[in-house]
Amino acid sequence: MLTPEQMKNVSQPWIDWMGSLAAQNKLANIGNRLGYNAAVLKPNDVVINGPYAEIKEIIAGFSVVFAETLEEAIEIAKGCPIFDVGGSVEVRNVIQMNS
């Protein structure tokens, strides 16, 4: 468990980075963390506890940012504080579905 001082030291880079993205109007969605309770639905009504059971890495959270190109999104992601603790960032585009 982290002490309050350690928590502040971990949280402040995230607050600064997200604040910078918001100030640039690049933040489309405030950062979110994914919960631990999950299920994967497969064909024929098969339900598996927890997502991505076969991968070694976990998805701890996600942010949606405004970027014109994948390259711009990669540049934005380079500032993510997750790198300070050995994490990685997966950059993806969002496909809007027609309703």
PDB file of N, CA and C in Angstrom:
ATOM      1  N   MET A   1       0.845  -1.176   0.000  1.00  0.00           N
ATOM      2  CA  MET A   1       0.000   0.000   0.000  1.00  0.00           C
ATOM      3  C   MET A   1       0.890   1.239   0.000  1.00  0.00           C
ATOM      4  N   LEU A   2       0.514   2.228  -0.765  1.00  0.00           N
ATOM      5  CA  LEU A   2       1.299   3.453  -0.848  1.00  0.00           C
ATOM      6  C   LEU A   2       0.957   4.411   0.288  1.00  0.00           C
ATOM      7  N   THR A   3       1.972   5.133   0.737  1.00  0.00           N
ATOM      8  CA  THR A   3       1.736   6.185   1.725  1.00  0.00           C
ATOM      9  C   THR A   3       1.086   7.362   1.004  1.00  0.00           C
ATOM     10  N   PRO A   4       0.483   8.296   1.736  1.00  0.00           N
ATOM     11  CA  PRO A   4      -0.090   9.474   1.084  1.00  0.00           C
ATOM     12  C   PRO A   4       0.938  10.241   0.240  1.00  0.00           C
ATOM     13  N   GLU A   5       2.158  10.337   0.723  1.00  0.00           N
ATOM     14  CA  GLU A   5       3.208  11.036  -0.023  1.00  0.00           C
ATOM     15  C   GLU A   5       3.555  10.286  -1.309  1.00  0.00           C
ATOM     16  N   GLN A   6       3.656   8.964  -1.226  1.00  0.00           N
ATOM     17  CA  GLN A   6       3.929   8.161  -2.414  1.00  0.00           C
ATOM     18  C   GLN A   6       2.778   8.264  -3.413  1.00  0.00           C
ATOM     19  N   MET A   7       1.557   8.249  -2.915  1.00  0.00           N
ATOM     20  CA  MET A   7       0.385   8.383  -3.786  1.00  0.00           C
ATOM     21  C   MET A   7       0.412   9.721  -4.524  1.00  0.00           C
ATOM     22  N   LYS A   8       0.782  10.778  -3.807  1.00  0.00           N
ATOM     23  CA  LYS A   8       0.874  12.098  -4.435  1.00  0.00           C
ATOM     24  C   LYS A   8       1.952  12.087  -5.516  1.00  0.00           C
ATOM     25  N   ASN A   9       3.090  11.465  -5.227  1.00  0.00           N
ATOM     26  CA  ASN A   9       4.182  11.403  -6.196  1.00  0.00           C
ATOM     27  C   ASN A   9       3.804  10.611  -7.441  1.00  0.00           C
ATOM     28  N   VAL A  10       2.970   9.597  -7.281  1.00  0.00           N
ATOM     29  CA  VAL A  10       2.506   8.801  -8.413  1.00  0.00           C
ATOM     30  C   VAL A  10       1.414   9.540  -9.174  1.00  0.00           C
ATOM     31  N   SER A  11       0.525  10.201  -8.467  1.00  0.00           N
ATOM     32  CA  SER A  11      -0.641  10.845  -9.082  1.00  0.00           C
ATOM     33  C   SER A  11      -0.305  12.152  -9.794  1.00  0.00           C
ATOM     34  N   GLN A  12       0.636  12.922  -9.264  1.00  0.00           N
ATOM     35  CA  GLN A  12       0.883  14.256  -9.813  1.00  0.00           C
ATOM     36  C   GLN A  12       1.274  14.259 -11.288  1.00  0.00           C
ATOM     37  N   PRO A  13       2.154  13.363 -11.745  1.00  0.00           N
ATOM     38  CA  PRO A  13       2.449  13.359 -13.190  1.00  0.00           C
ATOM     39  C   PRO A  13       1.215  13.104 -14.049  1.00  0.00           C
ATOM     40  N   TRP A  14       0.314  12.255 -13.568  1.00  0.00           N
ATOM     41  CA  TRP A  14      -0.924  11.996 -14.311  1.00  0.00           C
ATOM     42  C   TRP A  14      -1.806  13.230 -14.341  1.00  0.00           C
ATOM     43  N   ILE A  15      -1.937  13.898 -13.211  1.00  0.00           N
ATOM     44  CA  ILE A  15      -2.744  15.126 -13.138  1.00  0.00           C
ATOM     45  C   ILE A  15      -2.180  16.163 -14.092  1.00  0.00           C
ATOM     46  N   ASP A  16      -0.850  16.318 -14.088  1.00  0.00           N
ATOM     47  CA  ASP A  16      -0.204  17.302 -14.959  1.00  0.00           C
ATOM     48  C   ASP A  16      -0.390  16.963 -16.429  1.00  0.00           C
ATOM     49  N   TRP A  17      -0.201  15.685 -16.789  1.00  0.00           N
ATOM     50  CA  TRP A  17      -0.303  15.281 -18.186  1.00  0.00           C
ATOM     51  C   TRP A  17      -1.730  15.431 -18.697  1.00  0.00           C
ATOM     52  N   MET A  18      -2.694  14.940 -17.917  1.00  0.00           N
ATOM     53  CA  MET A  18      -4.100  15.052 -18.336  1.00  0.00           C
ATOM     54  C   MET A  18      -4.530  16.517 -18.405  1.00  0.00           C
ATOM     55  N   GLY A  19      -4.065  17.332 -17.451  1.00  0.00           N
ATOM     56  CA  GLY A  19      -4.380  18.759 -17.476  1.00  0.00           C
ATOM     57  C   GLY A  19      -3.821  19.437 -18.707  1.00  0.00           C
ATOM     58  N   SER A  20      -2.613  19.041 -19.104  1.00  0.00           N
ATOM     59  CA  SER A  20      -2.000  19.601 -20.306  1.00  0.00           C
ATOM     60  C   SER A  20      -2.794  19.227 -21.556  1.00  0.00           C
ATOM     61  N   LEU A  21      -3.226  17.968 -21.644  1.00  0.00           N
ATOM     62  CA  LEU A  21      -4.041  17.547 -22.784  1.00  0.00           C
ATOM     63  C   LEU A  21      -5.372  18.296 -22.826  1.00  0.00           C
ATOM     64  N   ALA A  22      -5.987  18.470 -21.670  1.00  0.00           N
ATOM     65  CA  ALA A  22      -7.261  19.196 -21.603  1.00  0.00           C
ATOM     66  C   ALA A  22      -7.067  20.647 -22.024  1.00  0.00           C
ATOM     67  N   ALA A  23      -5.978  21.269 -21.586  1.00  0.00           N
ATOM     68  CA  ALA A  23      -5.710  22.666 -21.935  1.00  0.00           C
ATOM     69  C   ALA A  23      -5.490  22.843 -23.435  1.00  0.00           C
ATOM     70  N   GLN A  24      -5.012  21.806 -24.102  1.00  0.00           N
ATOM     71  CA  GLN A  24      -4.787  21.847 -25.551  1.00  0.00           C
ATOM     72  C   GLN A  24      -6.022  21.400 -26.338  1.00  0.00           C
ATOM     73  N   ASN A  25      -7.112  21.137 -25.639  1.00  0.00           N
ATOM     74  CA  ASN A  25      -8.330  20.597 -26.259  1.00  0.00           C
ATOM     75  C   ASN A  25      -8.063  19.292 -26.999  1.00  0.00           C
ATOM     76  N   LYS A  26      -7.160  18.477 -26.471  1.00  0.00           N
ATOM     77  CA  LYS A  26      -6.835  17.181 -27.067  1.00  0.00           C
ATOM     78  C   LYS A  26      -7.501  16.033 -26.314  1.00  0.00           C
ATOM     79  N   LEU A  27      -8.034  16.298 -25.148  1.00  0.00           N
ATOM     80  CA  LEU A  27      -8.610  15.246 -24.322  1.00  0.00           C
ATOM     81  C   LEU A  27     -10.083  15.091 -24.648  1.00  0.00           C
ATOM     82  N   ALA A  28     -10.435  13.936 -25.208  1.00  0.00           N
ATOM     83  CA  ALA A  28     -11.814  13.674 -25.588  1.00  0.00           C
ATOM     84  C   ALA A  28     -12.586  13.019 -24.462  1.00  0.00           C
ATOM     85  N   ASN A  29     -11.866  12.377 -23.554  1.00  0.00           N
ATOM     86  CA  ASN A  29     -12.508  11.624 -22.485  1.00  0.00           C
ATOM     87  C   ASN A  29     -11.543  11.613 -21.323  1.00  0.00           C
ATOM     88  N   ILE A  30     -12.025  11.923 -20.161  1.00  0.00           N
ATOM     89  CA  ILE A  30     -11.153  11.893 -18.987  1.00  0.00           C
ATOM     90  C   ILE A  30     -10.636  10.480 -18.798  1.00  0.00           C
ATOM     91  N   GLY A  31      -9.450  10.326 -18.300  1.00  0.00           N
ATOM     92  CA  GLY A  31      -8.856   9.004 -18.109  1.00  0.00           C
ATOM     93  C   GLY A  31      -9.744   8.104 -17.266  1.00  0.00           C
ATOM     94  N   ASN A  32      -9.794   6.891 -17.627  1.00  0.00           N
ATOM     95  CA  ASN A  32     -10.611   5.913 -16.922  1.00  0.00           C
ATOM     96  C   ASN A  32      -9.783   4.689 -16.606  1.00  0.00           C
ATOM     97  N   ARG A  33     -10.145   4.007 -15.558  1.00  0.00           N
ATOM     98  CA  ARG A  33      -9.551   2.710 -15.254  1.00  0.00           C
ATOM     99  C   ARG A  33     -10.616   1.661 -15.468  1.00  0.00           C
ATOM    100  N   LEU A  34     -10.191   0.539 -15.930  1.00  0.00           N
ATOM    101  CA  LEU A  34     -11.116  -0.563 -16.121  1.00  0.00           C
ATOM    102  C   LEU A  34     -11.233  -1.354 -14.828  1.00  0.00           C
ATOM    103  N   GLY A  35     -12.417  -1.831 -14.538  1.00  0.00           N
ATOM    104  CA  GLY A  35     -12.638  -2.606 -13.333  1.00  0.00           C
ATOM    105  C   GLY A  35     -12.108  -4.025 -13.468  1.00  0.00           C
ATOM    106  N   TYR A  36     -12.075  -4.722 -12.361  1.00  0.00           N
ATOM    107  CA  TYR A  36     -11.573  -6.093 -12.341  1.00  0.00           C
ATOM    108  C   TYR A  36     -12.669  -7.119 -12.629  1.00  0.00           C
ATOM    109  N   ASN A  37     -13.910  -6.742 -12.449  1.00  0.00           N
ATOM    110  CA  ASN A  37     -15.021  -7.642 -12.738  1.00  0.00           C
ATOM    111  C   ASN A  37     -15.366  -7.525 -14.212  1.00  0.00           C
ATOM    112  N   ALA A  38     -15.259  -8.632 -14.917  1.00  0.00           N
ATOM    113  CA  ALA A  38     -15.503  -8.581 -16.351  1.00  0.00           C
ATOM    114  C   ALA A  38     -15.872  -9.961 -16.860  1.00  0.00           C
ATOM    115  N   ALA A  39     -16.340  -9.979 -18.081  1.00  0.00           N
ATOM    116  CA  ALA A  39     -16.664 -11.240 -18.739  1.00  0.00           C
ATOM    117  C   ALA A  39     -16.469 -11.052 -20.227  1.00  0.00           C
ATOM    118  N   VAL A  40     -16.167 -12.139 -20.903  1.00  0.00           N
ATOM    119  CA  VAL A  40     -16.084 -12.149 -22.355  1.00  0.00           C
ATOM    120  C   VAL A  40     -17.228 -13.016 -22.851  1.00  0.00           C
ATOM    121  N   LEU A  41     -17.988 -12.465 -23.770  1.00  0.00           N
ATOM    122  CA  LEU A  41     -19.104 -13.196 -24.367  1.00  0.00           C
ATOM    123  C   LEU A  41     -18.638 -13.763 -25.700  1.00  0.00           C
ATOM    124  N   LYS A  42     -18.864 -15.035 -25.896  1.00  0.00           N
ATOM    125  CA  LYS A  42     -18.472 -15.721 -27.122  1.00  0.00           C
ATOM    126  C   LYS A  42     -19.733 -16.218 -27.813  1.00  0.00           C
ATOM    127  N   PRO A  43     -19.609 -16.669 -29.058  1.00  0.00           N
ATOM    128  CA  PRO A  43     -20.781 -17.207 -29.747  1.00  0.00           C
ATOM    129  C   PRO A  43     -21.425 -18.352 -28.972  1.00  0.00           C
ATOM    130  N   ASN A  44     -22.666 -18.557 -29.245  1.00  0.00           N
ATOM    131  CA  ASN A  44     -23.458 -19.635 -28.622  1.00  0.00           C
ATOM    132  C   ASN A  44     -23.638 -19.437 -27.124  1.00  0.00           C
ATOM    133  N   ASP A  45     -23.730 -18.187 -26.704  1.00  0.00           N
ATOM    134  CA  ASP A  45     -23.976 -17.831 -25.297  1.00  0.00           C
ATOM    135  C   ASP A  45     -22.911 -18.342 -24.338  1.00  0.00           C
ATOM    136  N   VAL A  46     -21.667 -18.443 -24.779  1.00  0.00           N
ATOM    137  CA  VAL A  46     -20.563 -18.833 -23.911  1.00  0.00           C
ATOM    138  C   VAL A  46     -20.058 -17.587 -23.205  1.00  0.00           C
ATOM    139  N   VAL A  47     -19.969 -17.661 -21.881  1.00  0.00           N
ATOM    140  CA  VAL A  47     -19.483 -16.546 -21.077  1.00  0.00           C
ATOM    141  C   VAL A  47     -18.240 -16.999 -20.332  1.00  0.00           C
ATOM    142  N   ILE A  48     -17.155 -16.219 -20.482  1.00  0.00           N
ATOM    143  CA  ILE A  48     -15.891 -16.528 -19.818  1.00  0.00           C
ATOM    144  C   ILE A  48     -15.618 -15.434 -18.803  1.00  0.00           C
ATOM    145  N   ASN A  49     -15.248 -15.828 -17.594  1.00  0.00           N
ATOM    146  CA  ASN A  49     -14.921 -14.832 -16.573  1.00  0.00           C
ATOM    147  C   ASN A  49     -13.660 -14.081 -16.954  1.00  0.00           C
ATOM    148  N   GLY A  50     -13.744 -12.751 -16.896  1.00  0.00           N
ATOM    149  CA  GLY A  50     -12.578 -11.912 -17.133  1.00  0.00           C
ATOM    150  C   GLY A  50     -12.203 -11.808 -18.596  1.00  0.00           C
ATOM    151  N   PRO A  51     -11.792 -10.616 -19.022  1.00  0.00           N
ATOM    152  CA  PRO A  51     -11.383 -10.420 -20.412  1.00  0.00           C
ATOM    153  C   PRO A  51      -9.936 -10.844 -20.637  1.00  0.00           C
ATOM    154  N   TYR A  52      -9.603 -11.169 -21.853  1.00  0.00           N
ATOM    155  CA  TYR A  52      -8.236 -11.407 -22.291  1.00  0.00           C
ATOM    156  C   TYR A  52      -7.508 -12.414 -21.414  1.00  0.00           C
ATOM    157  N   ALA A  53      -8.159 -13.478 -21.076  1.00  0.00           N
ATOM    158  CA  ALA A  53      -7.570 -14.476 -20.185  1.00  0.00           C
ATOM    159  C   ALA A  53      -6.290 -15.076 -20.760  1.00  0.00           C
ATOM    160  N   GLU A  54      -6.120 -15.015 -22.071  1.00  0.00           N
ATOM    161  CA  GLU A  54      -4.954 -15.656 -22.657  1.00  0.00           C
ATOM    162  C   GLU A  54      -3.768 -14.723 -22.862  1.00  0.00           C
ATOM    163  N   ILE A  55      -3.847 -13.451 -22.441  1.00  0.00           N
ATOM    164  CA  ILE A  55      -2.704 -12.556 -22.608  1.00  0.00           C
ATOM    165  C   ILE A  55      -1.973 -12.356 -21.295  1.00  0.00           C
ATOM    166  N   LYS A  56      -0.712 -11.984 -21.388  1.00  0.00           N
ATOM    167  CA  LYS A  56       0.118 -11.792 -20.213  1.00  0.00           C
ATOM    168  C   LYS A  56      -0.019 -10.389 -19.635  1.00  0.00           C
ATOM    169  N   GLU A  57      -0.387  -9.427 -20.445  1.00  0.00           N
ATOM    170  CA  GLU A  57      -0.500  -8.046 -20.009  1.00  0.00           C
ATOM    171  C   GLU A  57      -1.947  -7.719 -19.681  1.00  0.00           C
ATOM    172  N   ILE A  58      -2.136  -6.665 -18.905  1.00  0.00           N
ATOM    173  CA  ILE A  58      -3.486  -6.225 -18.592  1.00  0.00           C
ATOM    174  C   ILE A  58      -3.694  -4.816 -19.113  1.00  0.00           C
ATOM    175  N   ILE A  59      -4.921  -4.465 -19.341  1.00  0.00           N
ATOM    176  CA  ILE A  59      -5.284  -3.105 -19.708  1.00  0.00           C
ATOM    177  C   ILE A  59      -5.743  -2.434 -18.428  1.00  0.00           C
ATOM    178  N   ALA A  60      -4.958  -1.485 -17.952  1.00  0.00           N
ATOM    179  CA  ALA A  60      -5.252  -0.844 -16.668  1.00  0.00           C
ATOM    180  C   ALA A  60      -6.194   0.341 -16.825  1.00  0.00           C
ATOM    181  N   GLY A  61      -6.248   0.929 -17.979  1.00  0.00           N
ATOM    182  CA  GLY A  61      -7.109   2.083 -18.186  1.00  0.00           C
ATOM    183  C   GLY A  61      -6.976   2.582 -19.606  1.00  0.00           C
ATOM    184  N   PHE A  62      -7.745   3.614 -19.922  1.00  0.00           N
ATOM    185  CA  PHE A  62      -7.671   4.165 -21.268  1.00  0.00           C
ATOM    186  C   PHE A  62      -8.073   5.627 -21.248  1.00  0.00           C
ATOM    187  N   SER A  63      -7.586   6.349 -22.219  1.00  0.00           N
ATOM    188  CA  SER A  63      -7.967   7.742 -22.446  1.00  0.00           C
ATOM    189  C   SER A  63      -8.245   7.896 -23.931  1.00  0.00           C
ATOM    190  N   VAL A  64      -9.190   8.735 -24.263  1.00  0.00           N
ATOM    191  CA  VAL A  64      -9.492   9.038 -25.654  1.00  0.00           C
ATOM    192  C   VAL A  64      -9.045  10.463 -25.906  1.00  0.00           C
ATOM    193  N   VAL A  65      -8.196  10.641 -26.917  1.00  0.00           N
ATOM    194  CA  VAL A  65      -7.692  11.966 -27.241  1.00  0.00           C
ATOM    195  C   VAL A  65      -8.054  12.320 -28.676  1.00  0.00           C
ATOM    196  N   PHE A  66      -8.082  13.613 -28.954  1.00  0.00           N
ATOM    197  CA  PHE A  66      -8.293  14.088 -30.313  1.00  0.00           C
ATOM    198  C   PHE A  66      -6.943  14.185 -31.007  1.00  0.00           C
ATOM    199  N   ALA A  67      -6.816  13.526 -32.154  1.00  0.00           N
ATOM    200  CA  ALA A  67      -5.607  13.607 -32.964  1.00  0.00           C
ATOM    201  C   ALA A  67      -6.019  13.455 -34.421  1.00  0.00           C
ATOM    202  N   GLU A  68      -5.352  14.175 -35.291  1.00  0.00           N
ATOM    203  CA  GLU A  68      -5.669  14.109 -36.719  1.00  0.00           C
ATOM    204  C   GLU A  68      -5.106  12.856 -37.377  1.00  0.00           C
ATOM    205  N   THR A  69      -3.986  12.356 -36.851  1.00  0.00           N
ATOM    206  CA  THR A  69      -3.325  11.207 -37.458  1.00  0.00           C
ATOM    207  C   THR A  69      -2.838  10.260 -36.359  1.00  0.00           C
ATOM    208  N   LEU A  70      -2.495   9.048 -36.756  1.00  0.00           N
ATOM    209  CA  LEU A  70      -1.911   8.099 -35.824  1.00  0.00           C
ATOM    210  C   LEU A  70      -0.587   8.638 -35.291  1.00  0.00           C
ATOM    211  N   GLU A  71       0.174   9.287 -36.147  1.00  0.00           N
ATOM    212  CA  GLU A  71       1.458   9.843 -35.738  1.00  0.00           C
ATOM    213  C   GLU A  71       1.284  10.904 -34.649  1.00  0.00           C
ATOM    214  N   GLU A  72       0.264  11.749 -34.785  1.00  0.00           N
ATOM    215  CA  GLU A  72      -0.005  12.757 -33.755  1.00  0.00           C
ATOM    216  C   GLU A  72      -0.410  12.083 -32.439  1.00  0.00           C
ATOM    217  N   ALA A  73      -1.211  11.038 -32.524  1.00  0.00           N
ATOM    218  CA  ALA A  73      -1.617  10.313 -31.315  1.00  0.00           C
ATOM    219  C   ALA A  73      -0.413   9.668 -30.639  1.00  0.00           C
ATOM    220  N   ILE A  74       0.514   9.159 -31.432  1.00  0.00           N
ATOM    221  CA  ILE A  74       1.735   8.570 -30.871  1.00  0.00           C
ATOM    222  C   ILE A  74       2.542   9.638 -30.145  1.00  0.00           C
ATOM    223  N   GLU A  75       2.664  10.813 -30.726  1.00  0.00           N
ATOM    224  CA  GLU A  75       3.395  11.906 -30.074  1.00  0.00           C
ATOM    225  C   GLU A  75       2.731  12.287 -28.753  1.00  0.00           C
ATOM    226  N   ILE A  76       1.416  12.337 -28.728  1.00  0.00           N
ATOM    227  CA  ILE A  76       0.692  12.630 -27.490  1.00  0.00           C
ATOM    228  C   ILE A  76       0.986  11.547 -26.454  1.00  0.00           C
ATOM    229  N   ALA A  77       0.946  10.291 -26.881  1.00  0.00           N
ATOM    230  CA  ALA A  77       1.152   9.171 -25.969  1.00  0.00           C
ATOM    231  C   ALA A  77       2.552   9.144 -25.380  1.00  0.00           C
ATOM    232  N   LYS A  78       3.517   9.703 -26.070  1.00  0.00           N
ATOM    233  CA  LYS A  78       4.897   9.715 -25.575  1.00  0.00           C
ATOM    234  C   LYS A  78       5.031  10.439 -24.242  1.00  0.00           C
ATOM    235  N   GLY A  79       4.074  11.313 -23.906  1.00  0.00           N
ATOM    236  CA  GLY A  79       4.119  12.030 -22.633  1.00  0.00           C
ATOM    237  C   GLY A  79       3.459  11.297 -21.485  1.00  0.00           C
ATOM    238  N   CYS A  80       2.910  10.115 -21.735  1.00  0.00           N
ATOM    239  CA  CYS A  80       2.160   9.390 -20.714  1.00  0.00           C
ATOM    240  C   CYS A  80       3.062   8.956 -19.554  1.00  0.00           C
ATOM    241  N   PRO A  81       2.654   9.246 -18.318  1.00  0.00           N
ATOM    242  CA  PRO A  81       3.445   8.870 -17.145  1.00  0.00           C
ATOM    243  C   PRO A  81       3.586   7.365 -16.910  1.00  0.00           C
ATOM    244  N   ILE A  82       2.847   6.536 -17.622  1.00  0.00           N
ATOM    245  CA  ILE A  82       2.940   5.099 -17.402  1.00  0.00           C
ATOM    246  C   ILE A  82       4.346   4.578 -17.687  1.00  0.00           C
ATOM    247  N   PHE A  83       5.086   5.300 -18.544  1.00  0.00           N
ATOM    248  CA  PHE A  83       6.441   4.880 -18.873  1.00  0.00           C
ATOM    249  C   PHE A  83       7.363   4.967 -17.659  1.00  0.00           C
ATOM    250  N   ASP A  84       7.024   5.836 -16.703  1.00  0.00           N
ATOM    251  CA  ASP A  84       7.837   5.996 -15.492  1.00  0.00           C
ATOM    252  C   ASP A  84       7.840   4.743 -14.622  1.00  0.00           C
ATOM    253  N   VAL A  85       6.845   3.883 -14.798  1.00  0.00           N
ATOM    254  CA  VAL A  85       6.761   2.662 -13.996  1.00  0.00           C
ATOM    255  C   VAL A  85       6.878   1.403 -14.858  1.00  0.00           C
ATOM    256  N   GLY A  86       7.442   1.563 -16.053  1.00  0.00           N
ATOM    257  CA  GLY A  86       7.689   0.416 -16.910  1.00  0.00           C
ATOM    258  C   GLY A  86       6.507  -0.040 -17.735  1.00  0.00           C
ATOM    259  N   GLY A  87       5.440   0.755 -17.774  1.00  0.00           N
ATOM    260  CA  GLY A  87       4.258   0.383 -18.548  1.00  0.00           C
ATOM    261  C   GLY A  87       4.408   0.738 -20.015  1.00  0.00           C
ATOM    262  N   SER A  88       3.405   0.424 -20.779  1.00  0.00           N
ATOM    263  CA  SER A  88       3.395   0.739 -22.201  1.00  0.00           C
ATOM    264  C   SER A  88       2.038   1.314 -22.578  1.00  0.00           C
ATOM    265  N   VAL A  89       1.982   1.917 -23.756  1.00  0.00           N
ATOM    266  CA  VAL A  89       0.749   2.513 -24.264  1.00  0.00           C
ATOM    267  C   VAL A  89       0.435   1.897 -25.615  1.00  0.00           C
ATOM    268  N   GLU A  90      -0.787   1.472 -25.785  1.00  0.00           N
ATOM    269  CA  GLU A  90      -1.252   1.003 -27.088  1.00  0.00           C
ATOM    270  C   GLU A  90      -2.083   2.122 -27.691  1.00  0.00           C
ATOM    271  N   VAL A  91      -1.726   2.550 -28.881  1.00  0.00           N
ATOM    272  CA  VAL A  91      -2.429   3.645 -29.553  1.00  0.00           C
ATOM    273  C   VAL A  91      -3.312   3.041 -30.633  1.00  0.00           C
ATOM    274  N   ARG A  92      -4.595   3.373 -30.579  1.00  0.00           N
ATOM    275  CA  ARG A  92      -5.550   2.867 -31.570  1.00  0.00           C
ATOM    276  C   ARG A  92      -6.439   4.007 -32.057  1.00  0.00           C
ATOM    277  N   ASN A  93      -6.959   3.831 -33.246  1.00  0.00           N
ATOM    278  CA  ASN A  93      -7.986   4.757 -33.715  1.00  0.00           C
ATOM    279  C   ASN A  93      -9.346   4.292 -33.200  1.00  0.00           C
ATOM    280  N   VAL A  94     -10.306   5.199 -33.205  1.00  0.00           N
ATOM    281  CA  VAL A  94     -11.668   4.878 -32.804  1.00  0.00           C
ATOM    282  C   VAL A  94     -12.531   4.901 -34.061  1.00  0.00           C
ATOM    283  N   ILE A  95     -13.235   3.858 -34.285  1.00  0.00           N
ATOM    284  CA  ILE A  95     -14.119   3.760 -35.456  1.00  0.00           C
ATOM    285  C   ILE A  95     -15.531   4.083 -35.004  1.00  0.00           C
ATOM    286  N   GLN A  96     -16.081   5.140 -35.563  1.00  0.00           N
ATOM    287  CA  GLN A  96     -17.453   5.513 -35.195  1.00  0.00           C
ATOM    288  C   GLN A  96     -18.422   4.644 -35.976  1.00  0.00           C
ATOM    289  N   MET A  97     -19.374   4.120 -35.265  1.00  0.00           N
ATOM    290  CA  MET A  97     -20.382   3.265 -35.884  1.00  0.00           C
ATOM    291  C   MET A  97     -21.586   4.105 -36.272  1.00  0.00           C
ATOM    292  N   ASN A  98     -22.128   3.846 -37.443  1.00  0.00           N
ATOM    293  CA  ASN A  98     -23.345   4.533 -37.873  1.00  0.00           C
ATOM    294  C   ASN A  98     -24.533   3.908 -37.183  1.00  0.00           C
ATOM    295  N   SER A  99     -25.449   4.753 -36.723  1.00  0.00           N
ATOM    296  CA  SER A  99     -26.633   4.197 -36.058  1.00  0.00           C
ATOM    297  C   SER A  99     -27.829   4.223 -36.963  1.00  0.00           C
TER     298      SER A  99
END
